[in-house]
Amino acid sequence: MIRALHAIIRGAAALAGTLVFFLMLTSVFEAVARRLGRPTVWAYDYNTIALLGMVVLGLAAAQRDGEHIAVRFVVDRLPPGARHALDVLNQLLTLFFLTVLAVFGTSIARASWQAGRTVGGLTRTPAYLVQALFVAGIVLLLLEVVVEFVTGRTRKHALEQPDNLG
């Protein structure tokens, strides 16, 4: 099951990378179109959605790889027992926060679908699609944090890692 989750997370990260490429292409296209006096009506809207997708679809992969930013200069100097207790508390609070985001995000997406809402802009993109994208990324991150909590896997502490600063 964990392998399947990580395969999905790899797919989401690949999609996030594809969205970076999309952003690059459409930004160049929009710049050229504006220079020619024919700006698009869709580039800003879709680039905003792609930026959201790029971020949320990459969250779980960053968590899995231990790449999220952590300011631990105080925690890393605590005794191992206190450090572990704070890590567990942090994971529990993270699980709670992500669950709240997933539940409310799903509720908002469902309400948008029922009301036929669209995102602001000229493209009239259904809002529930964008909101569902957000929820999907949050759920993947939530599942990765659950895996870490259940398996006891945590990021290495700064004092246990080699110093890369030279």
Foldseek 3Di string as FASTA:
>chain_A
DVVVLVVVLVVLQVLLVVLVVVLVVLVVVQVVCVVVVHGDQPNVVVNVLSVLSSVLSNLLVCQLVVNDDDDCPPLLPDPPVSSLVVVLVVLVVLLVVLVVLLVVLVVVLVVQVVVVAADDGDPRHRPSVSSVSNNVSSVSNSVSSVVCNVVVPDDDRPVPDDDPPD
